[in-house]
Amino acid sequence: MPYPPLMVRPMREELVAVGFEELSQPSDVERFLGDATGTALLVVNSVCGCAAGMARPGVRLALQSGPRPDRLGTVFAGQDLEATARARGYFPDIPPSSPSMALFKGGELVWFLPRHRIEGRDALDVAADLRAAFAHHCAPVAVA
């Protein structure tokens, strides 16, 4: 059974507020990850404590400065069941894990952060991992 929508709304909004697109249907995932231009970060969101205390805050911190992906998308494990399954189909050799984060470049998976590398750490550590991946794979932010 999926989690009640009212229960997960604040957890969804935490990522949407910083520019993430919600991918609630398999077709949303296919459109988002089927676009092979630039870079895309996909966050598999979750209700667990490590999502609340480490993953979502770490993502928000990492996006505040420096290079960042061109596109941001998120599926919600335990809520968007079919969309989450479709997203995981883009990295089939990696066991299901939520929360987790996948960075794509040119349509190819280039970096992945599974739950076991999130839990037991703090948001600053998660942000540092993301910033390193962004620095390596994403174009620098243009200064106006």
N, C-alpha and C. Protein backbone atom coordinates (compact mmCIF):
# COMPACT_ATOMS: atom_id res chain seq x y z
N MET A 1 0.83 -1.18 0.00
CA MET A 1 0.00 0.00 0.00
C MET A 1 0.88 1.25 0.00
N PRO A 2 0.61 2.20 -0.87
CA PRO A 2 1.37 3.46 -0.84
C PRO A 2 1.06 4.25 0.43
N TYR A 3 2.00 5.10 0.81
CA TYR A 3 1.78 6.00 1.93
C TYR A 3 0.67 6.99 1.57
N PRO A 4 -0.09 7.47 2.55
CA PRO A 4 -1.13 8.47 2.27
C PRO A 4 -0.50 9.75 1.69
N PRO A 5 -1.09 10.31 0.64
CA PRO A 5 -0.53 11.51 0.01
C PRO A 5 -0.33 12.67 0.99
N LEU A 6 -1.27 12.86 1.91
CA LEU A 6 -1.15 13.96 2.86
C LEU A 6 0.09 13.81 3.74
N MET A 7 0.43 12.57 4.06
CA MET A 7 1.59 12.32 4.92
C MET A 7 2.90 12.68 4.22
N VAL A 8 3.00 12.41 2.93
CA VAL A 8 4.27 12.61 2.23
C VAL A 8 4.39 13.98 1.56
N ARG A 9 3.30 14.74 1.53
CA ARG A 9 3.34 16.04 0.85
C ARG A 9 4.50 16.93 1.33
N PRO A 10 4.72 17.11 2.64
CA PRO A 10 5.84 17.96 3.05
C PRO A 10 7.20 17.42 2.60
N MET A 11 7.34 16.12 2.53
CA MET A 11 8.59 15.50 2.09
C MET A 11 8.81 15.72 0.60
N ARG A 12 7.73 15.71 -0.16
CA ARG A 12 7.81 16.01 -1.59
C ARG A 12 8.17 17.48 -1.80
N GLU A 13 7.46 18.35 -1.07
CA GLU A 13 7.63 19.79 -1.25
C GLU A 13 9.03 20.25 -0.91
N GLU A 14 9.71 19.52 -0.04
CA GLU A 14 11.07 19.89 0.34
C GLU A 14 11.99 19.90 -0.88
N LEU A 15 11.80 18.98 -1.81
CA LEU A 15 12.62 18.95 -3.02
C LEU A 15 12.04 19.84 -4.12
N VAL A 16 10.73 19.86 -4.25
CA VAL A 16 10.09 20.71 -5.27
C VAL A 16 10.46 22.17 -5.03
N ALA A 17 10.55 22.58 -3.77
CA ALA A 17 10.86 23.97 -3.43
C ALA A 17 12.24 24.41 -3.92
N VAL A 18 13.14 23.46 -4.17
CA VAL A 18 14.47 23.81 -4.67
C VAL A 18 14.64 23.44 -6.14
N GLY A 19 13.51 23.22 -6.83
CA GLY A 19 13.58 23.05 -8.27
C GLY A 19 13.41 21.66 -8.83
N PHE A 20 13.11 20.68 -7.99
CA PHE A 20 12.92 19.32 -8.49
C PHE A 20 11.56 19.18 -9.15
N GLU A 21 11.53 18.42 -10.23
CA GLU A 21 10.29 18.06 -10.89
C GLU A 21 9.83 16.72 -10.32
N GLU A 22 8.58 16.66 -9.91
CA GLU A 22 8.02 15.39 -9.44
C GLU A 22 7.71 14.50 -10.63
N LEU A 23 8.18 13.28 -10.55
CA LEU A 23 7.96 12.29 -11.59
C LEU A 23 7.07 11.22 -11.00
N SER A 24 5.77 11.44 -11.03
CA SER A 24 4.85 10.56 -10.33
C SER A 24 4.29 9.43 -11.18
N GLN A 25 4.52 9.50 -12.47
CA GLN A 25 4.04 8.46 -13.39
C GLN A 25 5.22 7.88 -14.17
N PRO A 26 5.13 6.62 -14.59
CA PRO A 26 6.21 6.05 -15.41
C PRO A 26 6.51 6.89 -16.66
N SER A 27 5.48 7.47 -17.27
CA SER A 27 5.70 8.29 -18.45
C SER A 27 6.52 9.55 -18.11
N ASP A 28 6.34 10.09 -16.91
CA ASP A 28 7.15 11.23 -16.46
C ASP A 28 8.62 10.85 -16.38
N VAL A 29 8.88 9.66 -15.83
CA VAL A 29 10.25 9.17 -15.70
C VAL A 29 10.87 8.95 -17.08
N GLU A 30 10.12 8.34 -17.97
CA GLU A 30 10.63 8.07 -19.32
C GLU A 30 10.96 9.37 -20.05
N ARG A 31 10.10 10.37 -19.93
CA ARG A 31 10.37 11.65 -20.56
C ARG A 31 11.61 12.30 -19.95
N PHE A 32 11.68 12.31 -18.61
CA PHE A 32 12.80 12.96 -17.91
C PHE A 32 14.13 12.26 -18.19
N LEU A 33 14.17 10.95 -18.00
CA LEU A 33 15.43 10.23 -18.18
C LEU A 33 15.69 9.87 -19.65
N GLY A 34 14.67 9.94 -20.47
CA GLY A 34 14.85 9.71 -21.89
C GLY A 34 15.51 10.88 -22.60
N ASP A 35 15.52 12.03 -21.97
CA ASP A 35 16.18 13.22 -22.50
C ASP A 35 17.68 13.08 -22.21
N ALA A 36 18.45 12.83 -23.25
CA ALA A 36 19.89 12.57 -23.07
C ALA A 36 20.74 13.83 -23.11
N THR A 37 20.11 15.00 -23.12
CA THR A 37 20.91 16.22 -23.16
C THR A 37 21.38 16.60 -21.76
N GLY A 38 22.58 17.08 -21.67
CA GLY A 38 23.11 17.59 -20.41
C GLY A 38 23.15 16.57 -19.30
N THR A 39 22.95 17.09 -18.09
CA THR A 39 23.02 16.26 -16.89
C THR A 39 21.68 16.30 -16.15
N ALA A 40 21.39 15.21 -15.46
CA ALA A 40 20.13 15.10 -14.72
C ALA A 40 20.39 14.36 -13.41
N LEU A 41 19.88 14.91 -12.33
CA LEU A 41 19.93 14.25 -11.03
C LEU A 41 18.55 13.71 -10.72
N LEU A 42 18.49 12.44 -10.42
CA LEU A 42 17.24 11.80 -10.00
C LEU A 42 17.40 11.40 -8.54
N VAL A 43 16.49 11.88 -7.69
CA VAL A 43 16.48 11.51 -6.28
C VAL A 43 15.30 10.57 -6.05
N VAL A 44 15.61 9.39 -5.49
CA VAL A 44 14.56 8.49 -5.04
C VAL A 44 14.30 8.88 -3.60
N ASN A 45 13.20 9.60 -3.39
CA ASN A 45 12.85 10.14 -2.09
C ASN A 45 12.18 9.06 -1.24
N SER A 46 12.09 9.30 0.05
CA SER A 46 11.59 8.30 0.98
C SER A 46 11.09 8.96 2.26
N VAL A 47 10.30 8.20 3.05
CA VAL A 47 9.82 8.71 4.33
C VAL A 47 10.79 8.43 5.48
N CYS A 48 11.82 7.68 5.24
CA CYS A 48 12.70 7.25 6.34
C CYS A 48 13.48 8.41 6.95
N GLY A 49 14.02 8.17 8.11
CA GLY A 49 14.77 9.19 8.83
C GLY A 49 16.01 9.66 8.10
N CYS A 50 16.68 8.76 7.37
CA CYS A 50 17.89 9.21 6.68
C CYS A 50 17.55 10.08 5.48
N ALA A 51 16.35 9.95 4.93
CA ALA A 51 15.92 10.86 3.87
C ALA A 51 15.67 12.25 4.48
N ALA A 52 15.02 12.26 5.64
CA ALA A 52 14.68 13.53 6.28
C ALA A 52 15.89 14.25 6.85
N GLY A 53 16.79 13.51 7.46
CA GLY A 53 17.91 14.13 8.16
C GLY A 53 19.19 14.27 7.36
N MET A 54 19.34 13.47 6.31
CA MET A 54 20.59 13.49 5.56
C MET A 54 20.40 13.74 4.07
N ALA A 55 19.53 12.96 3.42
CA ALA A 55 19.42 13.01 1.96
C ALA A 55 18.85 14.33 1.46
N ARG A 56 17.63 14.66 1.85
CA ARG A 56 17.01 15.90 1.35
C ARG A 56 17.79 17.14 1.77
N PRO A 57 18.21 17.26 3.04
CA PRO A 57 19.02 18.43 3.39
C PRO A 57 20.35 18.46 2.64
N GLY A 58 20.95 17.30 2.43
CA GLY A 58 22.22 17.25 1.69
C GLY A 58 22.07 17.71 0.26
N VAL A 59 20.99 17.31 -0.38
CA VAL A 59 20.72 17.74 -1.76
C VAL A 59 20.53 19.26 -1.79
N ARG A 60 19.74 19.77 -0.87
CA ARG A 60 19.49 21.22 -0.85
C ARG A 60 20.79 22.00 -0.66
N LEU A 61 21.64 21.52 0.23
CA LEU A 61 22.93 22.18 0.45
C LEU A 61 23.81 22.12 -0.80
N ALA A 62 23.86 20.99 -1.44
CA ALA A 62 24.72 20.80 -2.61
C ALA A 62 24.32 21.70 -3.77
N LEU A 63 23.04 22.02 -3.86
CA LEU A 63 22.56 22.82 -4.98
C LEU A 63 22.73 24.32 -4.77
N GLN A 64 23.19 24.72 -3.60
CA GLN A 64 23.28 26.15 -3.28
C GLN A 64 24.38 26.87 -4.03
N SER A 65 25.44 26.17 -4.41
CA SER A 65 26.54 26.85 -5.10
C SER A 65 27.33 25.85 -5.93
N GLY A 66 28.09 26.37 -6.87
CA GLY A 66 28.94 25.54 -7.70
C GLY A 66 28.18 24.90 -8.84
N PRO A 67 28.86 24.03 -9.57
CA PRO A 67 28.20 23.33 -10.68
C PRO A 67 27.01 22.54 -10.16
N ARG A 68 26.01 22.40 -11.02
CA ARG A 68 24.83 21.63 -10.65
C ARG A 68 24.25 21.00 -11.91
N PRO A 69 23.45 19.96 -11.75
CA PRO A 69 22.85 19.31 -12.92
C PRO A 69 21.91 20.27 -13.66
N ASP A 70 21.74 20.00 -14.94
CA ASP A 70 20.83 20.80 -15.77
C ASP A 70 19.37 20.57 -15.38
N ARG A 71 19.06 19.34 -14.98
CA ARG A 71 17.68 18.98 -14.66
C ARG A 71 17.65 18.22 -13.35
N LEU A 72 16.57 18.42 -12.60
CA LEU A 72 16.38 17.76 -11.30
C LEU A 72 15.03 17.06 -11.30
N GLY A 73 15.02 15.78 -10.96
CA GLY A 73 13.76 15.04 -10.90
C GLY A 73 13.74 14.14 -9.68
N THR A 74 12.54 13.80 -9.24
CA THR A 74 12.40 12.94 -8.08
C THR A 74 11.19 12.02 -8.18
N VAL A 75 11.38 10.81 -7.73
CA VAL A 75 10.29 9.86 -7.54
C VAL A 75 10.21 9.58 -6.05
N PHE A 76 9.05 9.14 -5.59
CA PHE A 76 8.88 8.90 -4.16
C PHE A 76 8.60 7.42 -3.94
N ALA A 77 9.60 6.73 -3.38
CA ALA A 77 9.44 5.31 -3.06
C ALA A 77 8.36 5.17 -2.00
N GLY A 78 7.51 4.18 -2.14
CA GLY A 78 6.43 3.98 -1.19
C GLY A 78 5.19 4.80 -1.52
N GLN A 79 5.28 5.65 -2.53
CA GLN A 79 4.15 6.46 -2.95
C GLN A 79 3.94 6.32 -4.47
N ASP A 80 4.95 6.68 -5.23
CA ASP A 80 4.89 6.59 -6.70
C ASP A 80 5.48 5.24 -7.11
N LEU A 81 4.75 4.18 -6.81
CA LEU A 81 5.30 2.82 -6.95
C LEU A 81 5.73 2.51 -8.38
N GLU A 82 4.87 2.77 -9.36
CA GLU A 82 5.20 2.44 -10.74
C GLU A 82 6.30 3.36 -11.29
N ALA A 83 6.25 4.62 -10.94
CA ALA A 83 7.28 5.56 -11.39
C ALA A 83 8.63 5.19 -10.79
N THR A 84 8.63 4.81 -9.52
CA THR A 84 9.89 4.42 -8.87
C THR A 84 10.46 3.16 -9.52
N ALA A 85 9.60 2.20 -9.80
CA ALA A 85 10.06 0.98 -10.48
C ALA A 85 10.64 1.32 -11.85
N ARG A 86 9.99 2.22 -12.57
CA ARG A 86 10.49 2.61 -13.90
C ARG A 86 11.82 3.32 -13.77
N ALA A 87 11.96 4.19 -12.79
CA ALA A 87 13.24 4.90 -12.58
C ALA A 87 14.35 3.90 -12.28
N ARG A 88 14.07 2.93 -11.43
CA ARG A 88 15.10 1.94 -11.08
C ARG A 88 15.49 1.10 -12.28
N GLY A 89 14.62 1.04 -13.29
CA GLY A 89 14.96 0.34 -14.52
C GLY A 89 16.09 1.00 -15.28
N TYR A 90 16.39 2.24 -14.98
CA TYR A 90 17.49 2.96 -15.63
C TYR A 90 18.84 2.64 -14.97
N PHE A 91 18.81 1.95 -13.83
CA PHE A 91 20.04 1.48 -13.19
C PHE A 91 19.79 0.08 -12.64
N PRO A 92 19.54 -0.89 -13.55
CA PRO A 92 19.10 -2.23 -13.15
C PRO A 92 20.13 -3.05 -12.39
N ASP A 93 21.40 -2.73 -12.51
CA ASP A 93 22.43 -3.51 -11.82
C ASP A 93 22.66 -3.05 -10.39
N ILE A 94 21.93 -2.04 -9.96
CA ILE A 94 22.06 -1.52 -8.61
C ILE A 94 20.83 -1.93 -7.82
N PRO A 95 21.01 -2.59 -6.68
CA PRO A 95 19.85 -3.02 -5.88
C PRO A 95 18.98 -1.83 -5.47
N PRO A 96 17.65 -2.03 -5.40
CA PRO A 96 16.75 -0.95 -4.98
C PRO A 96 17.17 -0.39 -3.62
N SER A 97 17.12 0.92 -3.53
CA SER A 97 17.61 1.61 -2.35
C SER A 97 16.89 2.95 -2.25
N SER A 98 16.33 3.23 -1.10
CA SER A 98 15.73 4.55 -0.92
C SER A 98 15.98 5.02 0.51
N PRO A 99 16.42 6.25 0.61
CA PRO A 99 16.66 7.18 -0.48
C PRO A 99 17.92 6.81 -1.26
N SER A 100 18.01 7.34 -2.44
CA SER A 100 19.21 7.20 -3.26
C SER A 100 19.22 8.32 -4.28
N MET A 101 20.36 8.48 -4.94
CA MET A 101 20.52 9.56 -5.91
C MET A 101 21.32 9.04 -7.09
N ALA A 102 20.86 9.39 -8.28
CA ALA A 102 21.51 8.95 -9.51
C ALA A 102 21.78 10.16 -10.39
N LEU A 103 23.01 10.28 -10.86
CA LEU A 103 23.38 11.38 -11.75
C LEU A 103 23.61 10.81 -13.14
N PHE A 104 22.94 11.40 -14.11
CA PHE A 104 23.04 10.98 -15.50
C PHE A 104 23.70 12.09 -16.31
N LYS A 105 24.53 11.69 -17.26
CA LYS A 105 25.16 12.65 -18.19
C LYS A 105 25.01 12.07 -19.59
N GLY A 106 24.44 12.84 -20.47
CA GLY A 106 24.22 12.35 -21.83
C GLY A 106 23.37 11.09 -21.86
N GLY A 107 22.48 10.97 -20.90
CA GLY A 107 21.59 9.82 -20.83
C GLY A 107 22.18 8.59 -20.17
N GLU A 108 23.43 8.66 -19.75
CA GLU A 108 24.11 7.52 -19.11
C GLU A 108 24.29 7.76 -17.62
N LEU A 109 24.09 6.72 -16.83
CA LEU A 109 24.33 6.81 -15.39
C LEU A 109 25.84 6.95 -15.16
N VAL A 110 26.24 8.03 -14.48
CA VAL A 110 27.66 8.27 -14.24
C VAL A 110 28.03 8.25 -12.76
N TRP A 111 27.01 8.29 -11.89
CA TRP A 111 27.30 8.34 -10.45
C TRP A 111 26.03 7.93 -9.71
N PHE A 112 26.22 7.22 -8.60
CA PHE A 112 25.08 6.76 -7.81
C PHE A 112 25.42 6.79 -6.34
N LEU A 113 24.49 7.27 -5.53
CA LEU A 113 24.65 7.30 -4.08
C LEU A 113 23.53 6.48 -3.46
N PRO A 114 23.85 5.26 -2.99
CA PRO A 114 22.81 4.40 -2.40
C PRO A 114 22.56 4.75 -0.93
N ARG A 115 21.51 4.20 -0.41
CA ARG A 115 21.12 4.45 0.97
C ARG A 115 22.25 4.16 1.96
N HIS A 116 22.98 3.08 1.74
CA HIS A 116 24.02 2.73 2.73
C HIS A 116 25.16 3.75 2.77
N ARG A 117 25.24 4.64 1.77
CA ARG A 117 26.24 5.72 1.80
C ARG A 117 25.61 7.03 2.28
N ILE A 118 24.33 6.97 2.65
CA ILE A 118 23.62 8.14 3.18
C ILE A 118 23.39 7.98 4.68
N GLU A 119 22.83 6.83 5.08
CA GLU A 119 22.49 6.65 6.49
C GLU A 119 23.75 6.59 7.34
N GLY A 120 23.65 7.14 8.52
CA GLY A 120 24.78 7.16 9.45
C GLY A 120 25.75 8.30 9.19
N ARG A 121 25.47 9.13 8.20
CA ARG A 121 26.31 10.30 7.91
C ARG A 121 25.45 11.54 8.15
N ASP A 122 26.02 12.70 7.96
CA ASP A 122 25.18 13.88 8.11
C ASP A 122 24.97 14.56 6.76
N ALA A 123 24.11 15.55 6.75
CA ALA A 123 23.75 16.23 5.50
C ALA A 123 24.97 16.88 4.85
N LEU A 124 25.91 17.36 5.64
CA LEU A 124 27.12 17.98 5.07
C LEU A 124 27.95 16.96 4.29
N ASP A 125 28.03 15.73 4.80
CA ASP A 125 28.75 14.67 4.10
C ASP A 125 28.07 14.33 2.78
N VAL A 126 26.76 14.22 2.81
CA VAL A 126 26.00 13.92 1.59
C VAL A 126 26.18 15.05 0.58
N ALA A 127 26.10 16.29 1.05
CA ALA A 127 26.30 17.44 0.17
C ALA A 127 27.70 17.42 -0.44
N ALA A 128 28.70 17.06 0.34
CA ALA A 128 30.07 17.01 -0.18
C ALA A 128 30.19 15.95 -1.28
N ASP A 129 29.57 14.81 -1.09
CA ASP A 129 29.58 13.77 -2.13
C ASP A 129 28.92 14.28 -3.41
N LEU A 130 27.77 14.92 -3.25
CA LEU A 130 27.05 15.46 -4.41
C LEU A 130 27.86 16.54 -5.09
N ARG A 131 28.44 17.45 -4.34
CA ARG A 131 29.23 18.53 -4.95
C ARG A 131 30.42 17.97 -5.72
N ALA A 132 31.04 16.93 -5.20
CA ALA A 132 32.16 16.31 -5.92
C ALA A 132 31.68 15.71 -7.23
N ALA A 133 30.54 15.04 -7.21
CA ALA A 133 29.99 14.46 -8.43
C ALA A 133 29.61 15.56 -9.41
N PHE A 134 29.00 16.64 -8.92
CA PHE A 134 28.62 17.74 -9.79
C PHE A 134 29.86 18.39 -10.40
N ALA A 135 30.92 18.59 -9.60
CA ALA A 135 32.14 19.20 -10.10
C ALA A 135 32.77 18.37 -11.21
N HIS A 136 32.65 17.06 -11.08
CA HIS A 136 33.24 16.17 -12.07
C HIS A 136 32.40 16.04 -13.33
N HIS A 137 31.09 16.05 -13.20
CA HIS A 137 30.22 15.72 -14.33
C HIS A 137 29.36 16.87 -14.89
N CYS A 138 29.20 17.94 -14.14
CA CYS A 138 28.30 19.02 -14.56
C CYS A 138 29.09 20.26 -14.98
N ALA A 139 28.53 21.01 -15.90
CA ALA A 139 29.16 22.24 -16.36
C ALA A 139 29.13 23.28 -15.25
N PRO A 140 30.16 24.10 -15.18
CA PRO A 140 30.15 25.17 -14.17
C PRO A 140 28.98 26.13 -14.39
N VAL A 141 28.54 26.74 -13.32
CA VAL A 141 27.45 27.71 -13.38
C VAL A 141 27.97 28.98 -14.03
N ALA A 142 27.25 29.48 -15.03
CA ALA A 142 27.64 30.71 -15.69
C ALA A 142 27.36 31.89 -14.77
N VAL A 143 28.30 32.83 -14.71
CA VAL A 143 28.14 34.02 -13.89
C VAL A 143 27.64 35.14 -14.78
N ALA A 144 26.54 35.76 -14.37
CA ALA A 144 25.95 36.83 -15.20
C ALA A 144 26.56 38.18 -14.89
